[in-house]
């Protein structure tokens, strides 16, 4: 029964890791354009909250990626101490992601 949880969790964990890498790449690209002052493009908003939004998005992506590595360690070992580590880091990553939403 425990192998069912592991086989379901591993692809979802990998998918979530890829999504955090996409968020990190896009937010890094946007903050680079924002710093250079190239915000005249219609997709780039130039209000006062843009810098804070991008900073929190990058922070949430980095913490989320670290959380997925902790989750991968838990899937590999499948012990309660790995569950506590993965659970606490994923809760922090989720909170930062919710903060980055605005």
N, C-alpha and C. Protein backbone atom coordinates (compact mmCIF):
# COMPACT_ATOMS: atom_id res chain seq x y z
N UNK A 1 0.81 -1.19 0.00
CA UNK A 1 0.00 0.00 0.00
C UNK A 1 0.87 1.27 0.00
N UNK A 2 2.02 1.20 0.62
CA UNK A 2 2.88 2.37 0.67
C UNK A 2 3.49 2.69 -0.69
N UNK A 3 3.64 1.69 -1.53
CA UNK A 3 4.24 1.96 -2.84
C UNK A 3 3.28 2.74 -3.73
N UNK A 4 1.97 2.65 -3.50
CA UNK A 4 1.01 3.42 -4.29
C UNK A 4 1.22 4.91 -4.03
N UNK A 5 1.41 5.30 -2.78
CA UNK A 5 1.65 6.70 -2.45
C UNK A 5 2.95 7.21 -3.04
N UNK A 6 3.95 6.37 -3.06
CA UNK A 6 5.24 6.77 -3.62
C UNK A 6 5.15 6.92 -5.13
N UNK A 7 4.46 6.00 -5.78
CA UNK A 7 4.38 6.08 -7.24
C UNK A 7 3.50 7.23 -7.71
N UNK A 8 2.53 7.62 -6.91
CA UNK A 8 1.70 8.77 -7.27
C UNK A 8 2.43 10.08 -6.94
N UNK A 9 3.14 10.11 -5.83
CA UNK A 9 3.78 11.35 -5.38
C UNK A 9 4.98 11.73 -6.24
N UNK A 10 5.71 10.77 -6.75
CA UNK A 10 6.92 11.08 -7.50
C UNK A 10 6.64 11.88 -8.78
N UNK A 11 5.69 11.48 -9.64
CA UNK A 11 5.44 12.31 -10.83
C UNK A 11 4.86 13.68 -10.49
N UNK A 12 4.01 13.75 -9.47
CA UNK A 12 3.47 15.04 -9.07
C UNK A 12 4.55 15.97 -8.52
N UNK A 13 5.47 15.40 -7.78
CA UNK A 13 6.59 16.17 -7.25
C UNK A 13 7.46 16.71 -8.38
N UNK A 14 7.72 15.87 -9.37
CA UNK A 14 8.53 16.30 -10.51
C UNK A 14 7.80 17.39 -11.31
N UNK A 15 6.52 17.23 -11.51
CA UNK A 15 5.75 18.24 -12.24
C UNK A 15 5.76 19.57 -11.49
N UNK A 16 5.61 19.54 -10.19
CA UNK A 16 5.64 20.75 -9.39
C UNK A 16 7.02 21.39 -9.41
N UNK A 17 8.07 20.58 -9.44
CA UNK A 17 9.44 21.11 -9.54
C UNK A 17 9.63 21.84 -10.86
N UNK A 18 9.14 21.26 -11.94
CA UNK A 18 9.25 21.91 -13.24
C UNK A 18 8.48 23.23 -13.26
N UNK A 19 7.30 23.23 -12.64
CA UNK A 19 6.51 24.46 -12.61
C UNK A 19 7.22 25.56 -11.80
N UNK A 20 7.88 25.20 -10.71
CA UNK A 20 8.63 26.20 -9.95
C UNK A 20 9.82 26.72 -10.75
N UNK A 21 10.47 25.86 -11.54
CA UNK A 21 11.56 26.34 -12.40
C UNK A 21 11.04 27.30 -13.47
N UNK A 22 9.85 27.05 -14.00
CA UNK A 22 9.27 27.96 -14.97
C UNK A 22 8.96 29.31 -14.32
N UNK A 23 8.40 29.29 -13.12
CA UNK A 23 8.11 30.54 -12.40
C UNK A 23 9.40 31.30 -12.12
N UNK A 24 10.44 30.57 -11.71
CA UNK A 24 11.72 31.22 -11.42
C UNK A 24 12.31 31.86 -12.68
N UNK A 25 12.26 31.16 -13.79
CA UNK A 25 12.80 31.71 -15.04
C UNK A 25 12.02 32.91 -15.52
N UNK A 26 10.70 32.82 -15.49
CA UNK A 26 9.88 33.94 -15.96
C UNK A 26 10.01 35.15 -15.04
N UNK A 27 10.00 34.95 -13.74
CA UNK A 27 10.13 36.08 -12.82
C UNK A 27 11.52 36.72 -12.92
N UNK A 28 12.54 35.90 -13.13
CA UNK A 28 13.88 36.46 -13.29
C UNK A 28 13.98 37.28 -14.57
N UNK A 29 13.38 36.78 -15.64
CA UNK A 29 13.38 37.54 -16.89
C UNK A 29 12.63 38.86 -16.72
N UNK A 30 11.49 38.82 -16.04
CA UNK A 30 10.70 40.03 -15.84
C UNK A 30 11.41 41.04 -14.96
N UNK A 31 12.07 40.57 -13.91
CA UNK A 31 12.76 41.53 -13.04
C UNK A 31 13.98 42.12 -13.74
N UNK A 32 14.60 41.37 -14.64
CA UNK A 32 15.70 41.91 -15.43
C UNK A 32 15.19 43.01 -16.35
N UNK A 33 14.07 42.80 -16.99
CA UNK A 33 13.49 43.84 -17.85
C UNK A 33 13.03 45.04 -17.01
N UNK A 34 12.52 44.77 -15.82
CA UNK A 34 12.05 45.85 -14.95
C UNK A 34 13.22 46.70 -14.46
N UNK A 35 14.33 46.07 -14.11
CA UNK A 35 15.50 46.82 -13.64
C UNK A 35 16.09 47.66 -14.77
N UNK A 36 16.11 47.12 -15.97
CA UNK A 36 16.66 47.85 -17.11
C UNK A 36 15.74 48.95 -17.62
N UNK A 37 14.53 49.04 -17.08
CA UNK A 37 13.60 50.08 -17.49
C UNK A 37 12.89 49.79 -18.79
N UNK A 38 12.84 48.56 -19.20
CA UNK A 38 12.18 48.18 -20.46
C UNK A 38 10.77 47.70 -20.19
N UNK A 39 9.99 48.51 -19.52
CA UNK A 39 8.63 48.10 -19.15
C UNK A 39 7.59 48.72 -20.06
N UNK A 40 7.98 49.18 -21.24
CA UNK A 40 7.02 49.78 -22.16
C UNK A 40 6.21 48.73 -22.91
N UNK A 41 6.59 47.47 -22.78
CA UNK A 41 5.85 46.39 -23.44
C UNK A 41 4.48 46.24 -22.79
N UNK A 42 3.43 45.95 -23.58
CA UNK A 42 2.08 45.86 -22.98
C UNK A 42 1.94 44.79 -21.91
N UNK A 43 2.75 43.74 -21.95
CA UNK A 43 2.60 42.69 -20.94
C UNK A 43 3.30 43.02 -19.63
N UNK A 44 4.11 44.05 -19.60
CA UNK A 44 4.84 44.41 -18.39
C UNK A 44 4.17 45.62 -17.73
N UNK A 45 3.63 45.39 -16.56
CA UNK A 45 3.06 46.50 -15.82
C UNK A 45 4.16 47.27 -15.12
N UNK A 46 4.01 48.54 -15.00
CA UNK A 46 5.08 49.34 -14.41
C UNK A 46 4.65 50.07 -13.16
N UNK A 47 3.73 49.52 -12.40
CA UNK A 47 3.29 50.22 -11.20
C UNK A 47 4.25 49.95 -10.03
N UNK A 48 3.94 50.50 -8.90
CA UNK A 48 4.84 50.39 -7.76
C UNK A 48 4.93 49.01 -7.14
N UNK A 49 3.94 48.17 -7.38
CA UNK A 49 3.94 46.83 -6.77
C UNK A 49 4.69 45.80 -7.60
N UNK A 50 5.11 46.16 -8.80
CA UNK A 50 5.74 45.18 -9.69
C UNK A 50 7.04 44.62 -9.09
N UNK A 51 7.86 45.48 -8.55
CA UNK A 51 9.12 45.02 -7.97
C UNK A 51 8.92 44.08 -6.79
N UNK A 52 7.96 44.40 -5.94
CA UNK A 52 7.67 43.54 -4.79
C UNK A 52 7.08 42.21 -5.25
N UNK A 53 6.19 42.24 -6.23
CA UNK A 53 5.59 41.02 -6.76
C UNK A 53 6.67 40.10 -7.33
N UNK A 54 7.57 40.66 -8.10
CA UNK A 54 8.62 39.84 -8.71
C UNK A 54 9.60 39.31 -7.67
N UNK A 55 9.91 40.11 -6.67
CA UNK A 55 10.81 39.65 -5.61
C UNK A 55 10.20 38.49 -4.83
N UNK A 56 8.92 38.60 -4.49
CA UNK A 56 8.26 37.51 -3.78
C UNK A 56 8.08 36.28 -4.66
N UNK A 57 7.89 36.48 -5.96
CA UNK A 57 7.77 35.34 -6.87
C UNK A 57 9.09 34.58 -6.96
N UNK A 58 10.19 35.29 -7.04
CA UNK A 58 11.50 34.63 -7.08
C UNK A 58 11.77 33.92 -5.76
N UNK A 59 11.48 34.58 -4.65
CA UNK A 59 11.68 33.96 -3.34
C UNK A 59 10.83 32.70 -3.19
N UNK A 60 9.57 32.76 -3.60
CA UNK A 60 8.69 31.59 -3.51
C UNK A 60 9.17 30.47 -4.41
N UNK A 61 9.69 30.79 -5.58
CA UNK A 61 10.19 29.76 -6.49
C UNK A 61 11.42 29.07 -5.93
N UNK A 62 12.33 29.83 -5.36
CA UNK A 62 13.55 29.23 -4.81
C UNK A 62 13.22 28.36 -3.61
N UNK A 63 12.37 28.83 -2.72
CA UNK A 63 11.98 28.03 -1.56
C UNK A 63 11.17 26.81 -2.01
N UNK A 64 10.35 26.97 -3.04
CA UNK A 64 9.60 25.84 -3.57
C UNK A 64 10.49 24.77 -4.17
N UNK A 65 11.52 25.19 -4.88
CA UNK A 65 12.47 24.23 -5.45
C UNK A 65 13.20 23.48 -4.34
N UNK A 66 13.62 24.19 -3.30
CA UNK A 66 14.26 23.53 -2.16
C UNK A 66 13.29 22.58 -1.47
N UNK A 67 12.03 22.95 -1.40
CA UNK A 67 11.02 22.09 -0.80
C UNK A 67 10.83 20.81 -1.62
N UNK A 68 10.89 20.92 -2.92
CA UNK A 68 10.73 19.73 -3.76
C UNK A 68 11.93 18.79 -3.61
N UNK A 69 13.11 19.34 -3.38
CA UNK A 69 14.26 18.47 -3.11
C UNK A 69 14.08 17.74 -1.78
N UNK A 70 13.54 18.42 -0.78
CA UNK A 70 13.25 17.77 0.49
C UNK A 70 12.18 16.70 0.32
N UNK A 71 11.18 16.97 -0.52
CA UNK A 71 10.16 15.98 -0.81
C UNK A 71 10.71 14.78 -1.55
N UNK A 72 11.66 15.00 -2.45
CA UNK A 72 12.31 13.89 -3.14
C UNK A 72 13.12 13.03 -2.19
N UNK A 73 13.76 13.67 -1.22
CA UNK A 73 14.49 12.92 -0.20
C UNK A 73 13.53 12.07 0.63
N UNK A 74 12.36 12.62 0.94
CA UNK A 74 11.37 11.86 1.71
C UNK A 74 10.84 10.68 0.89
N UNK A 75 10.59 10.88 -0.37
CA UNK A 75 10.10 9.78 -1.20
C UNK A 75 11.15 8.67 -1.28
N UNK A 76 12.41 9.07 -1.35
CA UNK A 76 13.47 8.06 -1.42
C UNK A 76 13.62 7.29 -0.12
N UNK A 77 13.57 7.98 1.01
CA UNK A 77 13.78 7.30 2.29
C UNK A 77 12.49 6.75 2.90
N UNK A 78 11.39 7.49 2.76
CA UNK A 78 10.05 7.12 3.23
C UNK A 78 10.02 6.82 4.73
N UNK A 79 10.55 7.78 5.52
CA UNK A 79 10.52 7.67 6.98
C UNK A 79 9.84 8.91 7.55
N UNK A 80 9.50 8.84 8.83
CA UNK A 80 8.76 9.94 9.44
C UNK A 80 9.61 11.21 9.59
N UNK A 81 10.91 11.06 9.78
CA UNK A 81 11.72 12.27 9.91
C UNK A 81 11.82 13.00 8.56
N UNK A 82 11.81 12.28 7.47
CA UNK A 82 11.77 12.92 6.15
C UNK A 82 10.43 13.58 5.88
N UNK A 83 9.37 12.99 6.43
CA UNK A 83 8.04 13.58 6.26
C UNK A 83 7.94 14.92 6.98
N UNK A 84 8.50 15.01 8.17
CA UNK A 84 8.47 16.28 8.90
C UNK A 84 9.25 17.36 8.17
N UNK A 85 10.40 16.99 7.63
CA UNK A 85 11.21 17.95 6.89
C UNK A 85 10.49 18.42 5.63
N UNK A 86 9.96 17.48 4.88
CA UNK A 86 9.28 17.82 3.62
C UNK A 86 7.99 18.59 3.89
N UNK A 87 7.27 18.21 4.92
CA UNK A 87 6.02 18.89 5.23
C UNK A 87 6.21 20.33 5.68
N UNK A 88 7.19 20.56 6.53
CA UNK A 88 7.42 21.92 7.00
C UNK A 88 7.95 22.83 5.90
N UNK A 89 8.85 22.32 5.07
CA UNK A 89 9.36 23.16 3.99
C UNK A 89 8.30 23.41 2.92
N UNK A 90 7.43 22.42 2.68
CA UNK A 90 6.38 22.65 1.69
C UNK A 90 5.33 23.63 2.21
N UNK A 91 5.08 23.64 3.51
CA UNK A 91 4.15 24.61 4.08
C UNK A 91 4.69 26.03 3.96
N UNK A 92 5.97 26.20 4.19
CA UNK A 92 6.59 27.52 4.02
C UNK A 92 6.57 27.94 2.55
N UNK A 93 6.86 26.99 1.64
CA UNK A 93 6.83 27.31 0.21
C UNK A 93 5.42 27.67 -0.23
N UNK A 94 4.42 26.98 0.29
CA UNK A 94 3.03 27.30 -0.07
C UNK A 94 2.65 28.68 0.44
N UNK A 95 3.07 29.03 1.65
CA UNK A 95 2.76 30.34 2.20
C UNK A 95 3.42 31.46 1.39
N UNK A 96 4.66 31.25 0.98
CA UNK A 96 5.34 32.26 0.17
C UNK A 96 4.72 32.37 -1.21
N UNK A 97 4.27 31.25 -1.76
CA UNK A 97 3.59 31.29 -3.05
C UNK A 97 2.28 32.05 -2.95
N UNK A 98 1.54 31.84 -1.87
CA UNK A 98 0.30 32.59 -1.66
C UNK A 98 0.58 34.07 -1.46
N UNK A 99 1.69 34.39 -0.81
CA UNK A 99 2.08 35.79 -0.63
C UNK A 99 2.46 36.41 -1.97
N UNK A 100 3.09 35.65 -2.83
CA UNK A 100 3.50 36.17 -4.14
C UNK A 100 2.29 36.41 -5.05
N UNK A 101 1.18 35.73 -4.78
CA UNK A 101 -0.02 35.98 -5.57
C UNK A 101 -0.54 37.40 -5.38
N UNK A 102 -0.23 37.97 -4.24
CA UNK A 102 -0.66 39.35 -4.00
C UNK A 102 -1.81 39.35 -3.11
